[in-house]
Amino acid sequence: MDRSKLTSRDVMEAVALYYRVPLTDLLGEARKKEILLPRQVCMYIIRHELDESFEKIGEDFGGKMHTTVINSCNKVLKALKKDSRIVRDINAIKKEIGL
């Protein structure tokens, strides 16, 4: 897919599919670990690959505060340094959406 045509929704759908979680859960309020990690990864990819603002990402996730998005991105950045599984997951998702 052409990077310039890629939307936040495309990333959300790819992440939901990859982690086998319902898109509604990804966008919802659930704080279970099996939802939290995919949501954080999704926010990270949207921020770092689509260069969306923290505010816009928060809106796309149902009105979450921009500080929640910043925190999520920072957690993924930290995890990338010590968890090869997260690196593998993000690379697989990016490949799936053509990044």
PDB file of N, CA and C in Angstrom:
ATOM      1  N   MET A   1       0.848  -1.195   0.000  1.00  0.00           N
ATOM      2  CA  MET A   1       0.000   0.000   0.000  1.00  0.00           C
ATOM      3  C   MET A   1       0.884   1.245   0.000  1.00  0.00           C
ATOM      4  N   ASP A   2       0.478   2.261  -0.721  1.00  0.00           N
ATOM      5  CA  ASP A   2       1.200   3.526  -0.781  1.00  0.00           C
ATOM      6  C   ASP A   2       1.184   4.182   0.601  1.00  0.00           C
ATOM      7  N   ARG A   3       2.376   4.466   1.108  1.00  0.00           N
ATOM      8  CA  ARG A   3       2.515   5.025   2.454  1.00  0.00           C
ATOM      9  C   ARG A   3       1.658   6.286   2.654  1.00  0.00           C
ATOM     10  N   SER A   4       1.571   7.126   1.623  1.00  0.00           N
ATOM     11  CA  SER A   4       0.824   8.377   1.760  1.00  0.00           C
ATOM     12  C   SER A   4      -0.685   8.133   1.850  1.00  0.00           C
ATOM     13  N   LYS A   5      -1.137   6.963   1.401  1.00  0.00           N
ATOM     14  CA  LYS A   5      -2.567   6.650   1.451  1.00  0.00           C
ATOM     15  C   LYS A   5      -2.934   5.835   2.689  1.00  0.00           C
ATOM     16  N   LEU A   6      -1.933   5.420   3.447  1.00  0.00           N
ATOM     17  CA  LEU A   6      -2.150   4.617   4.640  1.00  0.00           C
ATOM     18  C   LEU A   6      -2.812   5.461   5.725  1.00  0.00           C
ATOM     19  N   THR A   7      -3.835   4.916   6.363  1.00  0.00           N
ATOM     20  CA  THR A   7      -4.548   5.656   7.406  1.00  0.00           C
ATOM     21  C   THR A   7      -4.357   4.981   8.765  1.00  0.00           C
ATOM     22  N   SER A   8      -4.706   5.721   9.799  1.00  0.00           N
ATOM     23  CA  SER A   8      -4.678   5.158  11.155  1.00  0.00           C
ATOM     24  C   SER A   8      -5.547   3.914  11.212  1.00  0.00           C
ATOM     25  N   ARG A   9      -6.673   3.969  10.548  1.00  0.00           N
ATOM     26  CA  ARG A   9      -7.611   2.835  10.550  1.00  0.00           C
ATOM     27  C   ARG A   9      -6.969   1.590   9.938  1.00  0.00           C
ATOM     28  N   ASP A  10      -6.193   1.774   8.866  1.00  0.00           N
ATOM     29  CA  ASP A  10      -5.492   0.643   8.250  1.00  0.00           C
ATOM     30  C   ASP A  10      -4.564  -0.022   9.261  1.00  0.00           C
ATOM     31  N   VAL A  11      -3.839   0.800  10.015  1.00  0.00           N
ATOM     32  CA  VAL A  11      -2.910   0.284  11.026  1.00  0.00           C
ATOM     33  C   VAL A  11      -3.696  -0.425  12.126  1.00  0.00           C
ATOM     34  N   MET A  12      -4.776   0.190  12.575  1.00  0.00           N
ATOM     35  CA  MET A  12      -5.603  -0.413  13.638  1.00  0.00           C
ATOM     36  C   MET A  12      -6.123  -1.785  13.218  1.00  0.00           C
ATOM     37  N   GLU A  13      -6.613  -1.876  11.992  1.00  0.00           N
ATOM     38  CA  GLU A  13      -7.150  -3.151  11.502  1.00  0.00           C
ATOM     39  C   GLU A  13      -6.051  -4.209  11.398  1.00  0.00           C
ATOM     40  N   ALA A  14      -4.869  -3.812  10.933  1.00  0.00           N
ATOM     41  CA  ALA A  14      -3.755  -4.747  10.810  1.00  0.00           C
ATOM     42  C   ALA A  14      -3.294  -5.240  12.182  1.00  0.00           C
ATOM     43  N   VAL A  15      -3.241  -4.334  13.150  1.00  0.00           N
ATOM     44  CA  VAL A  15      -2.818  -4.705  14.509  1.00  0.00           C
ATOM     45  C   VAL A  15      -3.857  -5.635  15.144  1.00  0.00           C
ATOM     46  N   ALA A  16      -5.133  -5.312  14.990  1.00  0.00           N
ATOM     47  CA  ALA A  16      -6.199  -6.155  15.545  1.00  0.00           C
ATOM     48  C   ALA A  16      -6.125  -7.563  14.949  1.00  0.00           C
ATOM     49  N   LEU A  17      -5.913  -7.642  13.658  1.00  0.00           N
ATOM     50  CA  LEU A  17      -5.810  -8.929  12.978  1.00  0.00           C
ATOM     51  C   LEU A  17      -4.570  -9.698  13.454  1.00  0.00           C
ATOM     52  N   TYR A  18      -3.442  -9.011  13.533  1.00  0.00           N
ATOM     53  CA  TYR A  18      -2.182  -9.646  13.934  1.00  0.00           C
ATOM     54  C   TYR A  18      -2.275 -10.242  15.338  1.00  0.00           C
ATOM     55  N   TYR A  19      -2.814  -9.469  16.257  1.00  0.00           N
ATOM     56  CA  TYR A  19      -2.905  -9.918  17.649  1.00  0.00           C
ATOM     57  C   TYR A  19      -4.193 -10.702  17.939  1.00  0.00           C
ATOM     58  N   ARG A  20      -5.045 -10.830  16.916  1.00  0.00           N
ATOM     59  CA  ARG A  20      -6.307 -11.568  17.049  1.00  0.00           C
ATOM     60  C   ARG A  20      -7.178 -10.999  18.174  1.00  0.00           C
ATOM     61  N   VAL A  21      -7.335  -9.687  18.151  1.00  0.00           N
ATOM     62  CA  VAL A  21      -8.234  -9.024  19.105  1.00  0.00           C
ATOM     63  C   VAL A  21      -9.272  -8.243  18.299  1.00  0.00           C
ATOM     64  N   PRO A  22     -10.488  -8.157  18.809  1.00  0.00           N
ATOM     65  CA  PRO A  22     -11.505  -7.382  18.091  1.00  0.00           C
ATOM     66  C   PRO A  22     -11.118  -5.902  18.021  1.00  0.00           C
ATOM     67  N   LEU A  23     -11.363  -5.292  16.893  1.00  0.00           N
ATOM     68  CA  LEU A  23     -11.057  -3.869  16.726  1.00  0.00           C
ATOM     69  C   LEU A  23     -11.785  -3.040  17.782  1.00  0.00           C
ATOM     70  N   THR A  24     -12.991  -3.440  18.128  1.00  0.00           N
ATOM     71  CA  THR A  24     -13.746  -2.701  19.146  1.00  0.00           C
ATOM     72  C   THR A  24     -13.021  -2.726  20.495  1.00  0.00           C
ATOM     73  N   ASP A  25     -12.370  -3.836  20.832  1.00  0.00           N
ATOM     74  CA  ASP A  25     -11.595  -3.916  22.074  1.00  0.00           C
ATOM     75  C   ASP A  25     -10.358  -3.030  21.992  1.00  0.00           C
ATOM     76  N   LEU A  26      -9.713  -3.035  20.836  1.00  0.00           N
ATOM     77  CA  LEU A  26      -8.520  -2.211  20.640  1.00  0.00           C
ATOM     78  C   LEU A  26      -8.843  -0.732  20.852  1.00  0.00           C
ATOM     79  N   LEU A  27     -10.015  -0.328  20.406  1.00  0.00           N
ATOM     80  CA  LEU A  27     -10.427   1.068  20.500  1.00  0.00           C
ATOM     81  C   LEU A  27     -11.176   1.383  21.793  1.00  0.00           C
ATOM     82  N   GLY A  28     -11.469   0.363  22.563  1.00  0.00           N
ATOM     83  CA  GLY A  28     -12.269   0.539  23.776  1.00  0.00           C
ATOM     84  C   GLY A  28     -11.455   0.918  25.000  1.00  0.00           C
ATOM     85  N   GLU A  29     -12.064   0.668  26.157  1.00  0.00           N
ATOM     86  CA  GLU A  29     -11.476   1.058  27.432  1.00  0.00           C
ATOM     87  C   GLU A  29     -10.777  -0.087  28.150  1.00  0.00           C
ATOM     88  N   ALA A  30     -10.883  -1.305  27.642  1.00  0.00           N
ATOM     89  CA  ALA A  30     -10.322  -2.477  28.330  1.00  0.00           C
ATOM     90  C   ALA A  30      -8.846  -2.283  28.638  1.00  0.00           C
ATOM     91  N   ARG A  31      -8.457  -2.675  29.851  1.00  0.00           N
ATOM     92  CA  ARG A  31      -7.073  -2.529  30.267  1.00  0.00           C
ATOM     93  C   ARG A  31      -6.398  -3.888  30.488  1.00  0.00           C
ATOM     94  N   LYS A  32      -6.995  -4.931  29.937  1.00  0.00           N
ATOM     95  CA  LYS A  32      -6.395  -6.264  30.054  1.00  0.00           C
ATOM     96  C   LYS A  32      -5.117  -6.309  29.222  1.00  0.00           C
ATOM     97  N   LYS A  33      -4.148  -7.073  29.718  1.00  0.00           N
ATOM     98  CA  LYS A  33      -2.842  -7.151  29.053  1.00  0.00           C
ATOM     99  C   LYS A  33      -2.960  -7.548  27.582  1.00  0.00           C
ATOM    100  N   GLU A  34      -3.876  -8.472  27.291  1.00  0.00           N
ATOM    101  CA  GLU A  34      -3.996  -8.941  25.902  1.00  0.00           C
ATOM    102  C   GLU A  34      -4.559  -7.870  24.970  1.00  0.00           C
ATOM    103  N   ILE A  35      -5.112  -6.810  25.526  1.00  0.00           N
ATOM    104  CA  ILE A  35      -5.599  -5.679  24.736  1.00  0.00           C
ATOM    105  C   ILE A  35      -4.626  -4.502  24.827  1.00  0.00           C
ATOM    106  N   LEU A  36      -4.061  -4.311  26.003  1.00  0.00           N
ATOM    107  CA  LEU A  36      -3.192  -3.157  26.259  1.00  0.00           C
ATOM    108  C   LEU A  36      -1.974  -3.135  25.336  1.00  0.00           C
ATOM    109  N   LEU A  37      -1.277  -4.264  25.221  1.00  0.00           N
ATOM    110  CA  LEU A  37      -0.079  -4.292  24.376  1.00  0.00           C
ATOM    111  C   LEU A  37      -0.411  -3.997  22.911  1.00  0.00           C
ATOM    112  N   PRO A  38      -1.396  -4.670  22.320  1.00  0.00           N
ATOM    113  CA  PRO A  38      -1.731  -4.335  20.928  1.00  0.00           C
ATOM    114  C   PRO A  38      -2.110  -2.861  20.751  1.00  0.00           C
ATOM    115  N   ARG A  39      -2.840  -2.295  21.712  1.00  0.00           N
ATOM    116  CA  ARG A  39      -3.227  -0.886  21.625  1.00  0.00           C
ATOM    117  C   ARG A  39      -1.987   0.012  21.645  1.00  0.00           C
ATOM    118  N   GLN A  40      -1.053  -0.293  22.530  1.00  0.00           N
ATOM    119  CA  GLN A  40       0.172   0.506  22.629  1.00  0.00           C
ATOM    120  C   GLN A  40       1.012   0.382  21.357  1.00  0.00           C
ATOM    121  N   VAL A  41       1.121  -0.824  20.837  1.00  0.00           N
ATOM    122  CA  VAL A  41       1.864  -1.051  19.597  1.00  0.00           C
ATOM    123  C   VAL A  41       1.216  -0.274  18.453  1.00  0.00           C
ATOM    124  N   CYS A  42      -0.095  -0.298  18.412  1.00  0.00           N
ATOM    125  CA  CYS A  42      -0.837   0.405  17.374  1.00  0.00           C
ATOM    126  C   CYS A  42      -0.563   1.906  17.436  1.00  0.00           C
ATOM    127  N   MET A  43      -0.650   2.474  18.622  1.00  0.00           N
ATOM    128  CA  MET A  43      -0.384   3.906  18.795  1.00  0.00           C
ATOM    129  C   MET A  43       1.043   4.238  18.374  1.00  0.00           C
ATOM    130  N   TYR A  44       1.975   3.376  18.753  1.00  0.00           N
ATOM    131  CA  TYR A  44       3.387   3.585  18.402  1.00  0.00           C
ATOM    132  C   TYR A  44       3.571   3.600  16.883  1.00  0.00           C
ATOM    133  N   ILE A  45       3.005   2.622  16.189  1.00  0.00           N
ATOM    134  CA  ILE A  45       3.169   2.547  14.732  1.00  0.00           C
ATOM    135  C   ILE A  45       2.551   3.771  14.057  1.00  0.00           C
ATOM    136  N   ILE A  46       1.358   4.152  14.507  1.00  0.00           N
ATOM    137  CA  ILE A  46       0.701   5.323  13.911  1.00  0.00           C
ATOM    138  C   ILE A  46       1.553   6.570  14.125  1.00  0.00           C
ATOM    139  N   ARG A  47       2.095   6.722  15.304  1.00  0.00           N
ATOM    140  CA  ARG A  47       2.919   7.902  15.616  1.00  0.00           C
ATOM    141  C   ARG A  47       4.211   7.905  14.798  1.00  0.00           C
ATOM    142  N   HIS A  48       4.911   6.772  14.786  1.00  0.00           N
ATOM    143  CA  HIS A  48       6.250   6.742  14.188  1.00  0.00           C
ATOM    144  C   HIS A  48       6.268   6.479  12.689  1.00  0.00           C
ATOM    145  N   GLU A  49       5.217   5.882  12.159  1.00  0.00           N
ATOM    146  CA  GLU A  49       5.201   5.599  10.720  1.00  0.00           C
ATOM    147  C   GLU A  49       4.301   6.559   9.943  1.00  0.00           C
ATOM    148  N   LEU A  50       3.208   6.989  10.552  1.00  0.00           N
ATOM    149  CA  LEU A  50       2.293   7.913   9.865  1.00  0.00           C
ATOM    150  C   LEU A  50       2.493   9.350  10.332  1.00  0.00           C
ATOM    151  N   ASP A  51       3.281   9.523  11.387  1.00  0.00           N
ATOM    152  CA  ASP A  51       3.612  10.843  11.924  1.00  0.00           C
ATOM    153  C   ASP A  51       2.376  11.643  12.347  1.00  0.00           C
ATOM    154  N   GLU A  52       1.395  10.937  12.900  1.00  0.00           N
ATOM    155  CA  GLU A  52       0.190  11.601  13.414  1.00  0.00           C
ATOM    156  C   GLU A  52       0.516  12.260  14.749  1.00  0.00           C
ATOM    157  N   SER A  53      -0.209  13.319  15.078  1.00  0.00           N
ATOM    158  CA  SER A  53      -0.012  13.989  16.370  1.00  0.00           C
ATOM    159  C   SER A  53      -0.569  13.117  17.490  1.00  0.00           C
ATOM    160  N   PHE A  54      -0.045  13.319  18.695  1.00  0.00           N
ATOM    161  CA  PHE A  54      -0.544  12.580  19.854  1.00  0.00           C
ATOM    162  C   PHE A  54      -2.038  12.853  20.061  1.00  0.00           C
ATOM    163  N   GLU A  55      -2.437  14.102  19.833  1.00  0.00           N
ATOM    164  CA  GLU A  55      -3.843  14.481  20.001  1.00  0.00           C
ATOM    165  C   GLU A  55      -4.732  13.735  19.012  1.00  0.00           C
ATOM    166  N   LYS A  56      -4.312  13.675  17.739  1.00  0.00           N
ATOM    167  CA  LYS A  56      -5.093  13.003  16.692  1.00  0.00           C
ATOM    168  C   LYS A  56      -5.209  11.508  16.987  1.00  0.00           C
ATOM    169  N   ILE A  57      -4.112  10.906  17.429  1.00  0.00           N
ATOM    170  CA  ILE A  57      -4.145   9.479  17.759  1.00  0.00           C
ATOM    171  C   ILE A  57      -5.124   9.245  18.912  1.00  0.00           C
ATOM    172  N   GLY A  58      -5.069  10.101  19.920  1.00  0.00           N
ATOM    173  CA  GLY A  58      -6.005   9.988  21.046  1.00  0.00           C
ATOM    174  C   GLY A  58      -7.448  10.058  20.584  1.00  0.00           C
ATOM    175  N   GLU A  59      -7.735  10.986  19.675  1.00  0.00           N
ATOM    176  CA  GLU A  59      -9.091  11.102  19.119  1.00  0.00           C
ATOM    177  C   GLU A  59      -9.488   9.825  18.391  1.00  0.00           C
ATOM    178  N   ASP A  60      -8.559   9.297  17.582  1.00  0.00           N
ATOM    179  CA  ASP A  60      -8.831   8.078  16.813  1.00  0.00           C
ATOM    180  C   ASP A  60      -9.115   6.878  17.716  1.00  0.00           C
ATOM    181  N   PHE A  61      -8.599   6.921  18.934  1.00  0.00           N
ATOM    182  CA  PHE A  61      -8.814   5.836  19.886  1.00  0.00           C
ATOM    183  C   PHE A  61      -9.947   6.161  20.855  1.00  0.00           C
ATOM    184  N   GLY A  62     -10.918   6.903  20.392  1.00  0.00           N
ATOM    185  CA  GLY A  62     -12.116   7.138  21.181  1.00  0.00           C
ATOM    186  C   GLY A  62     -11.999   8.247  22.209  1.00  0.00           C
ATOM    187  N   GLY A  63     -11.151   9.216  21.935  1.00  0.00           N
ATOM    188  CA  GLY A  63     -11.054  10.366  22.833  1.00  0.00           C
ATOM    189  C   GLY A  63     -10.079  10.201  23.982  1.00  0.00           C
ATOM    190  N   LYS A  64      -9.078   9.357  23.792  1.00  0.00           N
ATOM    191  CA  LYS A  64      -8.066   9.204  24.838  1.00  0.00           C
ATOM    192  C   LYS A  64      -7.215  10.468  24.919  1.00  0.00           C
ATOM    193  N   MET A  65      -6.715  10.752  26.102  1.00  0.00           N
ATOM    194  CA  MET A  65      -5.863  11.930  26.313  1.00  0.00           C
ATOM    195  C   MET A  65      -4.546  11.760  25.556  1.00  0.00           C
ATOM    196  N   HIS A  66      -3.987  12.874  25.080  1.00  0.00           N
ATOM    197  CA  HIS A  66      -2.712  12.787  24.355  1.00  0.00           C
ATOM    198  C   HIS A  66      -1.610  12.241  25.264  1.00  0.00           C
ATOM    199  N   THR A  67      -1.727  12.462  26.573  1.00  0.00           N
ATOM    200  CA  THR A  67      -0.711  11.941  27.500  1.00  0.00           C
ATOM    201  C   THR A  67      -0.751  10.413  27.550  1.00  0.00           C
ATOM    202  N   THR A  68      -1.922   9.837  27.359  1.00  0.00           N
ATOM    203  CA  THR A  68      -2.044   8.376  27.291  1.00  0.00           C
ATOM    204  C   THR A  68      -1.285   7.854  26.080  1.00  0.00           C
ATOM    205  N   VAL A  69      -1.396   8.563  24.968  1.00  0.00           N
ATOM    206  CA  VAL A  69      -0.710   8.160  23.738  1.00  0.00           C
ATOM    207  C   VAL A  69       0.804   8.295  23.920  1.00  0.00           C
ATOM    208  N   ILE A  70       1.242   9.387  24.517  1.00  0.00           N
ATOM    209  CA  ILE A  70       2.681   9.589  24.768  1.00  0.00           C
ATOM    210  C   ILE A  70       3.205   8.446  25.640  1.00  0.00           C
ATOM    211  N   ASN A  71       2.482   8.131  26.699  1.00  0.00           N
ATOM    212  CA  ASN A  71       2.883   7.064  27.610  1.00  0.00           C
ATOM    213  C   ASN A  71       2.968   5.723  26.879  1.00  0.00           C
ATOM    214  N   SER A  72       1.988   5.450  26.035  1.00  0.00           N
ATOM    215  CA  SER A  72       1.978   4.196  25.272  1.00  0.00           C
ATOM    216  C   SER A  72       3.186   4.105  24.345  1.00  0.00           C
ATOM    217  N   CYS A  73       3.465   5.180  23.637  1.00  0.00           N
ATOM    218  CA  CYS A  73       4.603   5.198  22.709  1.00  0.00           C
ATOM    219  C   CYS A  73       5.917   5.012  23.463  1.00  0.00           C
ATOM    220  N   ASN A  74       6.036   5.653  24.612  1.00  0.00           N
ATOM    221  CA  ASN A  74       7.254   5.517  25.415  1.00  0.00           C
ATOM    222  C   ASN A  74       7.436   4.096  25.940  1.00  0.00           C
ATOM    223  N   LYS A  75       6.340   3.458  26.327  1.00  0.00           N
ATOM    224  CA  LYS A  75       6.415   2.073  26.806  1.00  0.00           C
ATOM    225  C   LYS A  75       6.891   1.142  25.693  1.00  0.00           C
ATOM    226  N   VAL A  76       6.381   1.354  24.494  1.00  0.00           N
ATOM    227  CA  VAL A  76       6.795   0.508  23.367  1.00  0.00           C
ATOM    228  C   VAL A  76       8.260   0.777  23.037  1.00  0.00           C
ATOM    229  N   LEU A  77       8.678   2.032  23.045  1.00  0.00           N
ATOM    230  CA  LEU A  77      10.086   2.359  22.783  1.00  0.00           C
ATOM    231  C   LEU A  77      11.002   1.635  23.764  1.00  0.00           C
ATOM    232  N   LYS A  78      10.629   1.644  25.033  1.00  0.00           N
ATOM    233  CA  LYS A  78      11.414   0.954  26.063  1.00  0.00           C
ATOM    234  C   LYS A  78      11.428  -0.546  25.808  1.00  0.00           C
ATOM    235  N   ALA A  79      10.268  -1.096  25.488  1.00  0.00           N
ATOM    236  CA  ALA A  79      10.141  -2.537  25.254  1.00  0.00           C
ATOM    237  C   ALA A  79      10.954  -2.983  24.039  1.00  0.00           C
ATOM    238  N   LEU A  80      11.040  -2.123  23.033  1.00  0.00           N
ATOM    239  CA  LEU A  80      11.795  -2.463  21.820  1.00  0.00           C
ATOM    240  C   LEU A  80      13.261  -2.745  22.136  1.00  0.00           C
ATOM    241  N   LYS A  81      13.780  -2.108  23.183  1.00  0.00           N
ATOM    242  CA  LYS A  81      15.191  -2.278  23.540  1.00  0.00           C
ATOM    243  C   LYS A  81      15.467  -3.602  24.238  1.00  0.00           C
ATOM    244  N   LYS A  82      14.419  -4.205  24.833  1.00  0.00           N
ATOM    245  CA  LYS A  82      14.690  -5.417  25.605  1.00  0.00           C
ATOM    246  C   LYS A  82      13.822  -6.623  25.257  1.00  0.00           C
ATOM    247  N   ASP A  83      12.884  -6.469  24.342  1.00  0.00           N
ATOM    248  CA  ASP A  83      11.980  -7.575  24.021  1.00  0.00           C
ATOM    249  C   ASP A  83      11.947  -7.806  22.511  1.00  0.00           C
ATOM    250  N   SER A  84      12.650  -8.839  22.075  1.00  0.00           N
ATOM    251  CA  SER A  84      12.745  -9.107  20.638  1.00  0.00           C
ATOM    252  C   SER A  84      11.379  -9.479  20.045  1.00  0.00           C
ATOM    253  N   ARG A  85      10.462  -9.962  20.885  1.00  0.00           N
ATOM    254  CA  ARG A  85       9.125 -10.313  20.398  1.00  0.00           C
ATOM    255  C   ARG A  85       8.388  -9.073  19.900  1.00  0.00           C
ATOM    256  N   ILE A  86       8.516  -7.974  20.634  1.00  0.00           N
ATOM    257  CA  ILE A  86       7.863  -6.712  20.228  1.00  0.00           C
ATOM    258  C   ILE A  86       8.453  -6.236  18.899  1.00  0.00           C
ATOM    259  N   VAL A  87       9.768  -6.337  18.772  1.00  0.00           N
ATOM    260  CA  VAL A  87      10.429  -5.952  17.518  1.00  0.00           C
ATOM    261  C   VAL A  87       9.872  -6.789  16.373  1.00  0.00           C
ATOM    262  N   ARG A  88       9.777  -8.097  16.598  1.00  0.00           N
ATOM    263  CA  ARG A  88       9.254  -9.007  15.574  1.00  0.00           C
ATOM    264  C   ARG A  88       7.805  -8.657  15.226  1.00  0.00           C
ATOM    265  N   ASP A  89       6.992  -8.416  16.259  1.00  0.00           N
ATOM    266  CA  ASP A  89       5.585  -8.079  16.041  1.00  0.00           C
ATOM    267  C   ASP A  89       5.453  -6.817  15.184  1.00  0.00           C
ATOM    268  N   ILE A  90       6.168  -5.768  15.570  1.00  0.00           N
ATOM    269  CA  ILE A  90       6.059  -4.491  14.851  1.00  0.00           C
ATOM    270  C   ILE A  90       6.539  -4.642  13.414  1.00  0.00           C
ATOM    271  N   ASN A  91       7.639  -5.354  13.217  1.00  0.00           N
ATOM    272  CA  ASN A  91       8.134  -5.559  11.856  1.00  0.00           C
ATOM    273  C   ASN A  91       7.138  -6.347  11.010  1.00  0.00           C
ATOM    274  N   ALA A  92       6.498  -7.338  11.601  1.00  0.00           N
ATOM    275  CA  ALA A  92       5.506  -8.151  10.863  1.00  0.00           C
ATOM    276  C   ALA A  92       4.293  -7.304  10.489  1.00  0.00           C
ATOM    277  N   ILE A  93       3.845  -6.474  11.420  1.00  0.00           N
ATOM    278  CA  ILE A  93       2.683  -5.617  11.142  1.00  0.00           C
ATOM    279  C   ILE A  93       3.035  -4.600  10.059  1.00  0.00           C
ATOM    280  N   LYS A  94       4.210  -3.985  10.170  1.00  0.00           N
ATOM    281  CA  LYS A  94       4.625  -3.010   9.160  1.00  0.00           C
ATOM    282  C   LYS A  94       4.723  -3.662   7.779  1.00  0.00           C
ATOM    283  N   LYS A  95       5.246  -4.883   7.734  1.00  0.00           N
ATOM    284  CA  LYS A  95       5.355  -5.587   6.458  1.00  0.00           C
ATOM    285  C   LYS A  95       3.963  -5.861   5.895  1.00  0.00           C
ATOM    286  N   GLU A  96       3.039  -6.241   6.751  1.00  0.00           N
ATOM    287  CA  GLU A  96       1.667  -6.549   6.345  1.00  0.00           C
ATOM    288  C   GLU A  96       0.977  -5.337   5.700  1.00  0.00           C
ATOM    289  N   ILE A  97       1.287  -4.139   6.200  1.00  0.00           N
ATOM    290  CA  ILE A  97       0.637  -2.940   5.655  1.00  0.00           C
ATOM    291  C   ILE A  97       1.528  -2.202   4.643  1.00  0.00           C
ATOM    292  N   GLY A  98       2.664  -2.820   4.315  1.00  0.00           N
ATOM    293  CA  GLY A  98       3.495  -2.282   3.253  1.00  0.00           C
ATOM    294  C   GLY A  98       4.443  -1.164   3.667  1.00  0.00           C
ATOM    295  N   LEU A  99       4.885  -1.195   4.919  1.00  0.00           N
ATOM    296  CA  LEU A  99       5.855  -0.174   5.372  1.00  0.00           C
ATOM    297  C   LEU A  99       7.248  -0.761   5.448  1.00  0.00           C
TER     298      LEU A  99
END
